[in-house]
Amino acid sequence: MNKKSIAELLLNIRAVTINVEAPYHYRSGIISPIYCDNRLIISFPEERAAIVDGMVGIINDQDLKPDVIAGTATAAIPFASWVAERLNLPMIYVRSGQKGYGKERQIEGVLPEGARVIFTEDLITTGGGVLSAVSDVRQGGGEVVGVAAVFEYGLPASEEAFGKESVARWCLSDFTAILDVMSDRGDLTDEEKVIALGWKSDPKGWGEKMGFE
């Protein structure tokens, strides 16, 4: 499946929605015309199978040869589980902070020294969350060969962050594909599409510029 096919899938289950007239307020304070909740995928068997097909396709097409599939807690854990099961590979997941009890692990599961690790991710915004987990795995002795994600916004901060950490990433769909599909379906006017694209280039200033602050 191509990016527009995955975008249509996400729109159909309302995992991704666009609203330029009543935009969404993120916890970070950013106001955005797009909201993504890929956790919804877990409730749709056919759609999640297509997502897993896509992630496995990335891994095979790129000849990544992973030893371990990794996910970040908690939203990406299901995707890592499904991909690891499909490829019959070990899985780990990385907590956002060290567990404060028991063995106080941050990486759950077994990470062999030198293992080639692929991260699965549900959503890439700025990349901060998954790149922090990448750093933890590297410190734990793993070799991270890339990140396979369901969706990304394609923000400049993300491009910069992945480049700085020298981490490859592949995404099944993105913000532009969503807008293209909505435009093709008549769900978005040309003017609304231009307005929404303006957020991608200036996510922090878009809300004020559009008069929502």
N, C-alpha and C. Protein backbone atom coordinates (compact mmCIF):
# COMPACT_ATOMS: atom_id res chain seq x y z
N MET A 1 0.84 -1.21 0.00
CA MET A 1 0.00 0.00 0.00
C MET A 1 0.87 1.25 0.00
N ASN A 2 0.43 2.27 -0.74
CA ASN A 2 1.19 3.52 -0.77
C ASN A 2 0.70 4.47 0.32
N LYS A 3 1.32 5.64 0.40
CA LYS A 3 1.00 6.58 1.48
C LYS A 3 -0.45 7.05 1.44
N LYS A 4 -1.00 7.23 0.24
CA LYS A 4 -2.39 7.68 0.14
C LYS A 4 -3.36 6.58 0.56
N SER A 5 -3.02 5.32 0.29
CA SER A 5 -3.88 4.21 0.72
C SER A 5 -3.92 4.11 2.23
N ILE A 6 -2.76 4.25 2.87
CA ILE A 6 -2.71 4.23 4.33
C ILE A 6 -3.42 5.44 4.90
N ALA A 7 -3.27 6.60 4.25
CA ALA A 7 -3.96 7.80 4.70
C ALA A 7 -5.47 7.59 4.67
N GLU A 8 -5.96 6.97 3.61
CA GLU A 8 -7.41 6.71 3.51
C GLU A 8 -7.86 5.76 4.62
N LEU A 9 -7.05 4.76 4.89
CA LEU A 9 -7.35 3.83 5.98
C LEU A 9 -7.47 4.57 7.31
N LEU A 10 -6.52 5.44 7.59
CA LEU A 10 -6.51 6.19 8.86
C LEU A 10 -7.70 7.14 8.95
N LEU A 11 -8.05 7.75 7.83
CA LEU A 11 -9.20 8.65 7.82
C LEU A 11 -10.50 7.87 8.03
N ASN A 12 -10.60 6.70 7.44
CA ASN A 12 -11.83 5.92 7.53
C ASN A 12 -12.14 5.48 8.95
N ILE A 13 -11.11 5.20 9.73
CA ILE A 13 -11.35 4.79 11.13
C ILE A 13 -11.24 5.99 12.09
N ARG A 14 -11.06 7.15 11.51
CA ARG A 14 -10.96 8.42 12.25
C ARG A 14 -9.78 8.44 13.22
N ALA A 15 -8.72 7.73 12.85
CA ALA A 15 -7.48 7.83 13.60
C ALA A 15 -6.82 9.18 13.35
N VAL A 16 -7.07 9.75 12.17
CA VAL A 16 -6.58 11.08 11.82
C VAL A 16 -7.76 11.93 11.39
N THR A 17 -7.85 13.13 11.94
CA THR A 17 -8.90 14.06 11.56
C THR A 17 -8.30 15.44 11.30
N ILE A 18 -8.93 16.19 10.41
CA ILE A 18 -8.50 17.55 10.06
C ILE A 18 -9.67 18.51 10.30
N ASN A 19 -9.38 19.62 10.97
CA ASN A 19 -10.39 20.65 11.15
C ASN A 19 -9.69 22.01 11.21
N VAL A 20 -9.83 22.79 10.14
CA VAL A 20 -9.16 24.09 10.10
C VAL A 20 -10.00 25.18 10.75
N GLU A 21 -11.30 24.93 10.95
CA GLU A 21 -12.17 25.93 11.54
C GLU A 21 -12.21 25.84 13.06
N ALA A 22 -12.10 24.64 13.60
CA ALA A 22 -12.06 24.45 15.05
C ALA A 22 -10.88 23.53 15.37
N PRO A 23 -9.67 24.07 15.30
CA PRO A 23 -8.47 23.24 15.44
C PRO A 23 -8.29 22.68 16.84
N TYR A 24 -7.33 21.79 16.94
CA TYR A 24 -7.10 21.05 18.19
C TYR A 24 -6.01 21.73 19.02
N HIS A 25 -6.16 21.66 20.32
CA HIS A 25 -5.18 22.23 21.25
C HIS A 25 -4.35 21.10 21.83
N TYR A 26 -3.06 21.06 21.53
CA TYR A 26 -2.18 20.04 22.06
C TYR A 26 -1.75 20.39 23.48
N ARG A 27 -1.37 19.38 24.23
CA ARG A 27 -0.91 19.60 25.60
C ARG A 27 0.32 20.51 25.64
N SER A 28 1.10 20.50 24.56
CA SER A 28 2.30 21.34 24.48
C SER A 28 1.96 22.82 24.33
N GLY A 29 0.69 23.12 24.06
CA GLY A 29 0.28 24.50 23.82
C GLY A 29 0.11 24.83 22.35
N ILE A 30 0.56 23.95 21.48
CA ILE A 30 0.43 24.16 20.04
C ILE A 30 -1.02 23.97 19.61
N ILE A 31 -1.48 24.83 18.73
CA ILE A 31 -2.80 24.71 18.13
C ILE A 31 -2.62 24.15 16.72
N SER A 32 -3.39 23.11 16.39
CA SER A 32 -3.15 22.40 15.14
C SER A 32 -4.45 22.04 14.43
N PRO A 33 -4.44 22.04 13.09
CA PRO A 33 -5.62 21.61 12.34
C PRO A 33 -5.73 20.09 12.24
N ILE A 34 -4.72 19.35 12.70
CA ILE A 34 -4.73 17.90 12.58
C ILE A 34 -4.61 17.24 13.95
N TYR A 35 -5.35 16.15 14.11
CA TYR A 35 -5.22 15.36 15.33
C TYR A 35 -5.07 13.89 14.93
N CYS A 36 -4.10 13.23 15.53
CA CYS A 36 -3.81 11.84 15.20
C CYS A 36 -3.88 10.99 16.46
N ASP A 37 -4.68 9.92 16.41
CA ASP A 37 -4.76 8.97 17.51
C ASP A 37 -4.69 7.56 16.93
N ASN A 38 -3.48 7.12 16.66
CA ASN A 38 -3.30 5.80 16.04
C ASN A 38 -3.52 4.65 17.01
N ARG A 39 -3.79 4.95 18.27
CA ARG A 39 -4.19 3.90 19.20
C ARG A 39 -5.48 3.23 18.74
N LEU A 40 -6.29 3.96 17.99
CA LEU A 40 -7.55 3.40 17.49
C LEU A 40 -7.33 2.19 16.59
N ILE A 41 -6.17 2.09 15.99
CA ILE A 41 -5.89 0.99 15.06
C ILE A 41 -6.04 -0.37 15.75
N ILE A 42 -5.76 -0.43 17.05
CA ILE A 42 -5.81 -1.71 17.74
C ILE A 42 -7.21 -2.32 17.71
N SER A 43 -8.24 -1.51 17.49
CA SER A 43 -9.62 -1.99 17.52
C SER A 43 -10.14 -2.43 16.15
N PHE A 44 -9.31 -2.34 15.12
CA PHE A 44 -9.75 -2.65 13.75
C PHE A 44 -8.83 -3.72 13.15
N PRO A 45 -9.24 -5.00 13.20
CA PRO A 45 -8.36 -6.09 12.77
C PRO A 45 -7.85 -5.98 11.33
N GLU A 46 -8.73 -5.64 10.38
CA GLU A 46 -8.29 -5.57 8.98
C GLU A 46 -7.31 -4.43 8.78
N GLU A 47 -7.60 -3.30 9.39
CA GLU A 47 -6.73 -2.13 9.24
C GLU A 47 -5.37 -2.36 9.92
N ARG A 48 -5.37 -2.96 11.10
CA ARG A 48 -4.10 -3.19 11.77
C ARG A 48 -3.27 -4.21 11.00
N ALA A 49 -3.94 -5.19 10.34
CA ALA A 49 -3.20 -6.15 9.51
C ALA A 49 -2.52 -5.43 8.35
N ALA A 50 -3.20 -4.45 7.76
CA ALA A 50 -2.61 -3.68 6.67
C ALA A 50 -1.42 -2.87 7.15
N ILE A 51 -1.52 -2.31 8.35
CA ILE A 51 -0.42 -1.55 8.93
C ILE A 51 0.79 -2.46 9.16
N VAL A 52 0.54 -3.63 9.72
CA VAL A 52 1.65 -4.58 9.95
C VAL A 52 2.26 -5.01 8.63
N ASP A 53 1.42 -5.26 7.62
CA ASP A 53 1.94 -5.59 6.28
C ASP A 53 2.89 -4.50 5.81
N GLY A 54 2.47 -3.25 6.02
CA GLY A 54 3.29 -2.13 5.58
C GLY A 54 4.61 -2.05 6.30
N MET A 55 4.60 -2.25 7.61
CA MET A 55 5.84 -2.19 8.39
C MET A 55 6.78 -3.34 8.03
N VAL A 56 6.22 -4.52 7.88
CA VAL A 56 7.05 -5.67 7.46
C VAL A 56 7.60 -5.42 6.05
N GLY A 57 6.77 -4.81 5.21
CA GLY A 57 7.24 -4.47 3.86
C GLY A 57 8.43 -3.53 3.88
N ILE A 58 8.39 -2.52 4.76
CA ILE A 58 9.52 -1.60 4.91
C ILE A 58 10.78 -2.37 5.30
N ILE A 59 10.64 -3.22 6.31
CA ILE A 59 11.80 -3.97 6.82
C ILE A 59 12.39 -4.86 5.74
N ASN A 60 11.52 -5.51 4.96
CA ASN A 60 12.01 -6.40 3.90
C ASN A 60 12.55 -5.63 2.71
N ASP A 61 11.84 -4.58 2.29
CA ASP A 61 12.27 -3.81 1.12
C ASP A 61 13.61 -3.11 1.36
N GLN A 62 13.83 -2.65 2.60
CA GLN A 62 15.07 -1.97 2.94
C GLN A 62 16.18 -2.95 3.34
N ASP A 63 15.84 -4.25 3.37
CA ASP A 63 16.80 -5.29 3.72
C ASP A 63 17.48 -4.98 5.05
N LEU A 64 16.67 -4.68 6.07
CA LEU A 64 17.19 -4.20 7.35
C LEU A 64 17.72 -5.31 8.26
N LYS A 65 17.21 -6.52 8.08
CA LYS A 65 17.69 -7.70 8.82
C LYS A 65 17.78 -7.46 10.34
N PRO A 66 16.67 -7.11 10.96
CA PRO A 66 16.70 -6.86 12.41
C PRO A 66 16.84 -8.16 13.21
N ASP A 67 17.43 -8.03 14.38
CA ASP A 67 17.47 -9.12 15.35
C ASP A 67 16.37 -8.97 16.39
N VAL A 68 15.96 -7.72 16.62
CA VAL A 68 14.98 -7.40 17.66
C VAL A 68 14.06 -6.28 17.15
N ILE A 69 12.77 -6.40 17.47
CA ILE A 69 11.81 -5.34 17.19
C ILE A 69 11.53 -4.60 18.50
N ALA A 70 11.56 -3.27 18.45
CA ALA A 70 11.37 -2.46 19.66
C ALA A 70 10.19 -1.52 19.50
N GLY A 71 9.58 -1.19 20.63
CA GLY A 71 8.51 -0.20 20.67
C GLY A 71 8.72 0.73 21.85
N THR A 72 8.14 1.91 21.77
CA THR A 72 8.16 2.83 22.91
C THR A 72 6.87 2.66 23.70
N ALA A 73 6.96 2.81 25.01
CA ALA A 73 5.77 2.69 25.86
C ALA A 73 4.98 4.00 25.82
N THR A 74 3.65 3.92 25.70
CA THR A 74 2.91 2.68 25.59
C THR A 74 2.29 2.50 24.20
N ALA A 75 2.10 3.60 23.49
CA ALA A 75 1.32 3.55 22.25
C ALA A 75 1.93 2.66 21.17
N ALA A 76 3.25 2.54 21.12
CA ALA A 76 3.89 1.77 20.06
C ALA A 76 4.06 0.30 20.40
N ILE A 77 3.75 -0.09 21.64
CA ILE A 77 3.94 -1.49 22.03
C ILE A 77 3.12 -2.46 21.17
N PRO A 78 1.83 -2.18 20.88
CA PRO A 78 1.09 -3.13 20.03
C PRO A 78 1.73 -3.34 18.66
N PHE A 79 2.23 -2.27 18.05
CA PHE A 79 2.81 -2.39 16.72
C PHE A 79 4.08 -3.24 16.75
N ALA A 80 4.90 -3.01 17.78
CA ALA A 80 6.10 -3.83 17.94
C ALA A 80 5.72 -5.30 18.15
N SER A 81 4.68 -5.54 18.92
CA SER A 81 4.24 -6.92 19.19
C SER A 81 3.79 -7.62 17.91
N TRP A 82 2.97 -6.92 17.12
CA TRP A 82 2.46 -7.53 15.89
C TRP A 82 3.57 -7.80 14.88
N VAL A 83 4.49 -6.83 14.73
CA VAL A 83 5.58 -7.00 13.77
C VAL A 83 6.54 -8.10 14.22
N ALA A 84 6.86 -8.13 15.50
CA ALA A 84 7.74 -9.17 16.03
C ALA A 84 7.12 -10.55 15.84
N GLU A 85 5.82 -10.64 16.08
CA GLU A 85 5.13 -11.92 15.90
C GLU A 85 5.16 -12.35 14.44
N ARG A 86 4.89 -11.41 13.54
CA ARG A 86 4.87 -11.72 12.11
C ARG A 86 6.25 -12.21 11.63
N LEU A 87 7.31 -11.59 12.15
CA LEU A 87 8.67 -11.93 11.71
C LEU A 87 9.33 -13.00 12.59
N ASN A 88 8.59 -13.44 13.61
CA ASN A 88 9.13 -14.44 14.54
C ASN A 88 10.45 -13.98 15.14
N LEU A 89 10.43 -12.73 15.65
CA LEU A 89 11.63 -12.13 16.24
C LEU A 89 11.36 -11.74 17.70
N PRO A 90 12.44 -11.64 18.50
CA PRO A 90 12.28 -11.12 19.86
C PRO A 90 11.80 -9.66 19.83
N MET A 91 11.19 -9.26 20.92
CA MET A 91 10.70 -7.89 21.06
C MET A 91 11.14 -7.31 22.39
N ILE A 92 11.38 -6.01 22.38
CA ILE A 92 11.61 -5.25 23.61
C ILE A 92 10.73 -4.00 23.57
N TYR A 93 10.55 -3.38 24.72
CA TYR A 93 9.98 -2.03 24.70
C TYR A 93 10.73 -1.16 25.70
N VAL A 94 10.69 0.14 25.43
CA VAL A 94 11.48 1.10 26.20
C VAL A 94 10.53 2.04 26.92
N ARG A 95 10.71 2.13 28.24
CA ARG A 95 9.91 3.05 29.05
C ARG A 95 10.40 4.48 28.86
N SER A 96 9.52 5.43 29.14
CA SER A 96 9.93 6.84 29.06
C SER A 96 10.84 7.23 30.21
N GLY A 97 10.81 6.45 31.30
CA GLY A 97 11.70 6.67 32.44
C GLY A 97 11.99 5.36 33.11
N GLN A 98 13.03 5.34 33.89
CA GLN A 98 13.41 4.10 34.56
C GLN A 98 12.37 3.70 35.59
N LYS A 99 12.01 2.42 35.59
CA LYS A 99 11.05 1.91 36.55
C LYS A 99 11.61 2.08 37.96
N GLY A 100 10.78 2.58 38.89
CA GLY A 100 11.27 2.90 40.22
C GLY A 100 11.10 1.79 41.24
N TYR A 101 10.95 0.55 40.77
CA TYR A 101 10.80 -0.56 41.70
C TYR A 101 11.32 -1.84 41.03
N GLY A 102 11.38 -2.93 41.81
CA GLY A 102 11.88 -4.19 41.25
C GLY A 102 13.30 -4.05 40.75
N LYS A 103 13.54 -4.48 39.51
CA LYS A 103 14.88 -4.40 38.93
C LYS A 103 15.14 -3.04 38.27
N GLU A 104 14.16 -2.16 38.35
CA GLU A 104 14.30 -0.76 37.89
C GLU A 104 14.74 -0.68 36.43
N ARG A 105 14.20 -1.54 35.62
CA ARG A 105 14.57 -1.54 34.20
C ARG A 105 13.91 -0.39 33.45
N GLN A 106 14.62 0.09 32.44
CA GLN A 106 14.02 1.02 31.49
C GLN A 106 13.71 0.29 30.19
N ILE A 107 14.54 -0.67 29.84
CA ILE A 107 14.30 -1.50 28.66
C ILE A 107 13.73 -2.83 29.15
N GLU A 108 12.52 -3.15 28.71
CA GLU A 108 11.88 -4.39 29.10
C GLU A 108 12.07 -5.44 28.01
N GLY A 109 12.44 -6.65 28.42
CA GLY A 109 12.77 -7.69 27.48
C GLY A 109 14.28 -7.88 27.45
N VAL A 110 14.74 -8.72 26.54
CA VAL A 110 16.17 -9.04 26.45
C VAL A 110 16.78 -8.35 25.24
N LEU A 111 17.81 -7.54 25.49
CA LEU A 111 18.53 -6.85 24.41
C LEU A 111 19.95 -7.40 24.35
N PRO A 112 20.22 -8.32 23.42
CA PRO A 112 21.58 -8.85 23.31
C PRO A 112 22.57 -7.78 22.84
N GLU A 113 23.79 -7.88 23.30
CA GLU A 113 24.84 -6.95 22.88
C GLU A 113 25.02 -7.02 21.37
N GLY A 114 24.99 -5.83 20.73
CA GLY A 114 25.21 -5.75 19.29
C GLY A 114 24.01 -6.09 18.44
N ALA A 115 22.85 -6.35 19.04
CA ALA A 115 21.66 -6.71 18.28
C ALA A 115 21.21 -5.56 17.38
N ARG A 116 20.80 -5.91 16.16
CA ARG A 116 20.25 -4.93 15.23
C ARG A 116 18.77 -4.71 15.59
N VAL A 117 18.43 -3.46 15.90
CA VAL A 117 17.11 -3.15 16.44
C VAL A 117 16.35 -2.23 15.49
N ILE A 118 15.12 -2.60 15.19
CA ILE A 118 14.19 -1.73 14.46
C ILE A 118 13.11 -1.27 15.43
N PHE A 119 12.90 0.03 15.51
CA PHE A 119 11.80 0.57 16.29
C PHE A 119 10.56 0.69 15.42
N THR A 120 9.41 0.32 15.99
CA THR A 120 8.14 0.66 15.37
C THR A 120 7.54 1.80 16.17
N GLU A 121 6.84 2.68 15.49
CA GLU A 121 6.29 3.86 16.16
C GLU A 121 4.92 4.17 15.56
N ASP A 122 3.99 4.61 16.39
CA ASP A 122 2.66 4.93 15.87
C ASP A 122 2.62 6.31 15.23
N LEU A 123 3.37 7.27 15.81
CA LEU A 123 3.31 8.65 15.33
C LEU A 123 4.63 9.35 15.60
N ILE A 124 5.13 10.06 14.60
CA ILE A 124 6.30 10.91 14.80
C ILE A 124 5.86 12.37 14.70
N THR A 125 6.02 13.08 15.80
CA THR A 125 5.72 14.52 15.82
C THR A 125 7.05 15.27 15.67
N THR A 126 7.76 15.47 16.77
CA THR A 126 9.10 16.06 16.69
C THR A 126 10.18 14.98 16.70
N GLY A 127 9.80 13.76 17.04
CA GLY A 127 10.77 12.66 17.11
C GLY A 127 11.42 12.49 18.47
N GLY A 128 11.12 13.41 19.40
CA GLY A 128 11.81 13.38 20.68
C GLY A 128 11.64 12.09 21.46
N GLY A 129 10.41 11.56 21.48
CA GLY A 129 10.13 10.36 22.26
C GLY A 129 10.88 9.14 21.77
N VAL A 130 10.77 8.85 20.48
CA VAL A 130 11.42 7.65 19.96
C VAL A 130 12.94 7.82 19.92
N LEU A 131 13.43 9.03 19.69
CA LEU A 131 14.88 9.23 19.66
C LEU A 131 15.49 9.09 21.05
N SER A 132 14.74 9.44 22.08
CA SER A 132 15.20 9.18 23.45
C SER A 132 15.31 7.68 23.69
N ALA A 133 14.34 6.93 23.20
CA ALA A 133 14.39 5.47 23.33
C ALA A 133 15.53 4.87 22.52
N VAL A 134 15.78 5.45 21.34
CA VAL A 134 16.92 5.01 20.53
C VAL A 134 18.22 5.17 21.32
N SER A 135 18.36 6.31 21.98
CA SER A 135 19.55 6.56 22.80
C SER A 135 19.69 5.52 23.90
N ASP A 136 18.57 5.16 24.54
CA ASP A 136 18.60 4.15 25.61
C ASP A 136 19.06 2.80 25.08
N VAL A 137 18.57 2.43 23.91
CA VAL A 137 18.97 1.14 23.33
C VAL A 137 20.44 1.15 22.93
N ARG A 138 20.88 2.25 22.38
CA ARG A 138 22.31 2.36 22.04
C ARG A 138 23.17 2.23 23.29
N GLN A 139 22.76 2.89 24.36
CA GLN A 139 23.52 2.79 25.61
C GLN A 139 23.46 1.38 26.18
N GLY A 140 22.38 0.66 25.86
CA GLY A 140 22.24 -0.72 26.32
C GLY A 140 22.96 -1.73 25.46
N GLY A 141 23.66 -1.26 24.43
CA GLY A 141 24.45 -2.15 23.61
C GLY A 141 23.83 -2.56 22.29
N GLY A 142 22.65 -2.03 21.98
CA GLY A 142 22.01 -2.36 20.71
C GLY A 142 22.42 -1.43 19.58
N GLU A 143 22.26 -1.90 18.36
CA GLU A 143 22.52 -1.10 17.16
C GLU A 143 21.18 -0.78 16.51
N VAL A 144 20.75 0.47 16.61
CA VAL A 144 19.46 0.86 16.03
C VAL A 144 19.65 1.15 14.55
N VAL A 145 18.93 0.38 13.73
CA VAL A 145 19.09 0.54 12.28
C VAL A 145 17.98 1.38 11.65
N GLY A 146 17.00 1.79 12.46
CA GLY A 146 15.99 2.68 11.92
C GLY A 146 14.67 2.60 12.66
N VAL A 147 13.73 3.45 12.22
CA VAL A 147 12.40 3.54 12.81
C VAL A 147 11.37 3.40 11.69
N ALA A 148 10.43 2.48 11.88
CA ALA A 148 9.31 2.32 10.95
C ALA A 148 8.06 2.84 11.64
N ALA A 149 7.45 3.88 11.09
CA ALA A 149 6.33 4.54 11.75
C ALA A 149 5.06 4.45 10.91
N VAL A 150 3.93 4.49 11.59
CA VAL A 150 2.65 4.53 10.88
C VAL A 150 2.45 5.88 10.21
N PHE A 151 2.76 6.96 10.94
CA PHE A 151 2.41 8.29 10.45
C PHE A 151 3.38 9.33 10.98
N GLU A 152 3.63 10.34 10.18
CA GLU A 152 4.43 11.48 10.64
C GLU A 152 3.83 12.77 10.11
N TYR A 153 4.04 13.83 10.88
CA TYR A 153 3.58 15.15 10.45
C TYR A 153 4.55 15.78 9.43
N GLY A 154 5.81 15.39 9.49
CA GLY A 154 6.80 15.97 8.58
C GLY A 154 7.24 17.35 8.99
N LEU A 155 7.30 17.60 10.29
CA LEU A 155 7.68 18.92 10.79
C LEU A 155 9.19 19.15 10.66
N PRO A 156 9.61 20.40 10.49
CA PRO A 156 11.04 20.71 10.40
C PRO A 156 11.83 20.22 11.61
N ALA A 157 11.24 20.30 12.80
CA ALA A 157 11.93 19.86 14.02
C ALA A 157 12.25 18.38 13.96
N SER A 158 11.35 17.60 13.37
CA SER A 158 11.56 16.16 13.23
C SER A 158 12.70 15.86 12.26
N GLU A 159 12.68 16.54 11.13
CA GLU A 159 13.75 16.37 10.14
C GLU A 159 15.11 16.65 10.77
N GLU A 160 15.18 17.74 11.51
CA GLU A 160 16.43 18.13 12.15
C GLU A 160 16.88 17.12 13.20
N ALA A 161 15.93 16.65 14.01
CA ALA A 161 16.27 15.75 15.10
C ALA A 161 16.78 14.40 14.59
N PHE A 162 16.11 13.83 13.61
CA PHE A 162 16.54 12.54 13.06
C PHE A 162 17.88 12.67 12.35
N GLY A 163 18.08 13.79 11.67
CA GLY A 163 19.36 14.01 11.02
C GLY A 163 20.49 14.14 12.01
N LYS A 164 20.24 14.86 13.09
CA LYS A 164 21.27 15.07 14.12
C LYS A 164 21.68 13.77 14.77
N GLU A 165 20.73 12.86 14.98
CA GLU A 165 21.02 11.58 15.63
C GLU A 165 21.39 10.48 14.64
N SER A 166 21.40 10.82 13.35
CA SER A 166 21.74 9.86 12.29
C SER A 166 20.89 8.59 12.38
N VAL A 167 19.58 8.80 12.50
CA VAL A 167 18.64 7.68 12.57
C VAL A 167 17.75 7.71 11.32
N ALA A 168 17.74 6.60 10.59
CA ALA A 168 16.88 6.48 9.42
C ALA A 168 15.44 6.25 9.86
N ARG A 169 14.49 6.74 9.07
CA ARG A 169 13.09 6.48 9.39
C ARG A 169 12.30 6.29 8.10
N TRP A 170 11.26 5.50 8.21
CA TRP A 170 10.36 5.25 7.09
C TRP A 170 8.94 5.31 7.63
N CYS A 171 8.05 6.03 6.93
CA CYS A 171 6.69 6.21 7.42
C CYS A 171 5.69 5.73 6.38
N LEU A 172 4.66 5.05 6.86
CA LEU A 172 3.64 4.51 5.95
C LEU A 172 2.78 5.61 5.35
N SER A 173 2.59 6.70 6.10
CA SER A 173 1.82 7.81 5.56
C SER A 173 2.23 9.09 6.28
N ASP A 174 1.71 10.22 5.78
CA ASP A 174 2.10 11.50 6.37
C ASP A 174 1.00 12.55 6.17
N PHE A 175 1.27 13.71 6.72
CA PHE A 175 0.32 14.83 6.72
C PHE A 175 -0.10 15.22 5.30
N THR A 176 0.86 15.30 4.40
CA THR A 176 0.56 15.69 3.03
C THR A 176 -0.36 14.69 2.35
N ALA A 177 -0.12 13.40 2.58
CA ALA A 177 -0.97 12.36 1.99
C ALA A 177 -2.40 12.46 2.51
N ILE A 178 -2.55 12.77 3.80
CA ILE A 178 -3.89 12.95 4.37
C ILE A 178 -4.63 14.08 3.66
N LEU A 179 -3.95 15.21 3.48
CA LEU A 179 -4.57 16.36 2.82
C LEU A 179 -4.93 16.04 1.37
N ASP A 180 -4.05 15.31 0.70
CA ASP A 180 -4.31 14.93 -0.70
C ASP A 180 -5.55 14.05 -0.81
N VAL A 181 -5.66 13.07 0.08
CA VAL A 181 -6.82 12.17 0.04
C VAL A 181 -8.10 12.93 0.35
N MET A 182 -8.06 13.79 1.37
CA MET A 182 -9.25 14.56 1.71
C MET A 182 -9.66 15.49 0.57
N SER A 183 -8.67 16.07 -0.09
CA SER A 183 -8.95 16.93 -1.24
C SER A 183 -9.58 16.13 -2.38
N ASP A 184 -9.01 14.94 -2.64
CA ASP A 184 -9.54 14.08 -3.70
C ASP A 184 -10.98 13.66 -3.42
N ARG A 185 -11.31 13.46 -2.14
CA ARG A 185 -12.65 13.01 -1.76
C ARG A 185 -13.63 14.16 -1.64
N GLY A 186 -13.14 15.38 -1.77
CA GLY A 186 -14.02 16.54 -1.64
C GLY A 186 -14.30 16.92 -0.21
N ASP A 187 -13.51 16.40 0.71
CA ASP A 187 -13.69 16.70 2.13
C ASP A 187 -12.92 17.95 2.56
N LEU A 188 -12.13 18.50 1.65
CA LEU A 188 -11.29 19.65 1.97
C LEU A 188 -11.21 20.54 0.74
N THR A 189 -11.50 21.83 0.91
CA THR A 189 -11.39 22.75 -0.21
C THR A 189 -9.91 23.08 -0.45
N ASP A 190 -9.63 23.66 -1.61
CA ASP A 190 -8.26 24.08 -1.91
C ASP A 190 -7.77 25.09 -0.89
N GLU A 191 -8.65 26.01 -0.48
CA GLU A 191 -8.27 27.02 0.50
C GLU A 191 -7.95 26.37 1.86
N GLU A 192 -8.77 25.42 2.28
CA GLU A 192 -8.54 24.73 3.54
C GLU A 192 -7.23 23.93 3.51
N LYS A 193 -6.93 23.36 2.37
CA LYS A 193 -5.69 22.60 2.22
C LYS A 193 -4.48 23.52 2.39
N VAL A 194 -4.53 24.70 1.79
CA VAL A 194 -3.44 25.66 1.91
C VAL A 194 -3.28 26.11 3.37
N ILE A 195 -4.41 26.35 4.03
CA ILE A 195 -4.38 26.76 5.44
C ILE A 195 -3.74 25.68 6.30
N ALA A 196 -4.14 24.43 6.07
CA ALA A 196 -3.59 23.32 6.85
C ALA A 196 -2.10 23.14 6.60
N LEU A 197 -1.68 23.27 5.35
CA LEU A 197 -0.26 23.14 5.03
C LEU A 197 0.58 24.22 5.70
N GLY A 198 -0.03 25.38 5.95
CA GLY A 198 0.67 26.45 6.64
C GLY A 198 1.09 26.04 8.05
N TRP A 199 0.33 25.16 8.67
CA TRP A 199 0.69 24.68 10.02
C TRP A 199 1.98 23.86 9.97
N LYS A 200 2.14 23.07 8.94
CA LYS A 200 3.32 22.19 8.84
C LYS A 200 4.61 23.00 8.84
N SER A 201 4.60 24.15 8.19
CA SER A 201 5.82 24.96 8.10
C SER A 201 6.06 25.80 9.35
N ASP A 202 4.98 26.08 10.12
CA ASP A 202 5.12 26.92 11.32
C ASP A 202 4.13 26.45 12.39
N PRO A 203 4.36 25.26 12.96
CA PRO A 203 3.38 24.72 13.92
C PRO A 203 3.19 25.56 15.17
N LYS A 204 4.23 26.23 15.64
CA LYS A 204 4.11 27.02 16.86
C LYS A 204 3.42 28.36 16.61
N GLY A 205 3.59 28.92 15.44
CA GLY A 205 3.02 30.23 15.17
C GLY A 205 1.69 30.21 14.44
N TRP A 206 1.29 29.02 13.97
CA TRP A 206 0.09 28.91 13.14
C TRP A 206 -1.16 29.38 13.86
N GLY A 207 -1.34 28.96 15.11
CA GLY A 207 -2.56 29.30 15.84
C GLY A 207 -2.75 30.79 15.98
N GLU A 208 -1.70 31.49 16.34
CA GLU A 208 -1.78 32.95 16.48
C GLU A 208 -2.03 33.61 15.14
N LYS A 209 -1.33 33.12 14.12
CA LYS A 209 -1.46 33.69 12.79
C LYS A 209 -2.89 33.55 12.28
N MET A 210 -3.55 32.45 12.64
CA MET A 210 -4.91 32.19 12.17
C MET A 210 -5.98 32.79 13.10
N GLY A 211 -5.53 33.45 14.18
CA GLY A 211 -6.47 34.13 15.06
C GLY A 211 -7.11 33.24 16.11
N PHE A 212 -6.46 32.09 16.42
CA PHE A 212 -7.02 31.18 17.42
C PHE A 212 -6.42 31.39 18.81
N GLU A 213 -5.55 32.37 18.96
CA GLU A 213 -4.95 32.67 20.26
C GLU A 213 -5.30 34.09 20.67
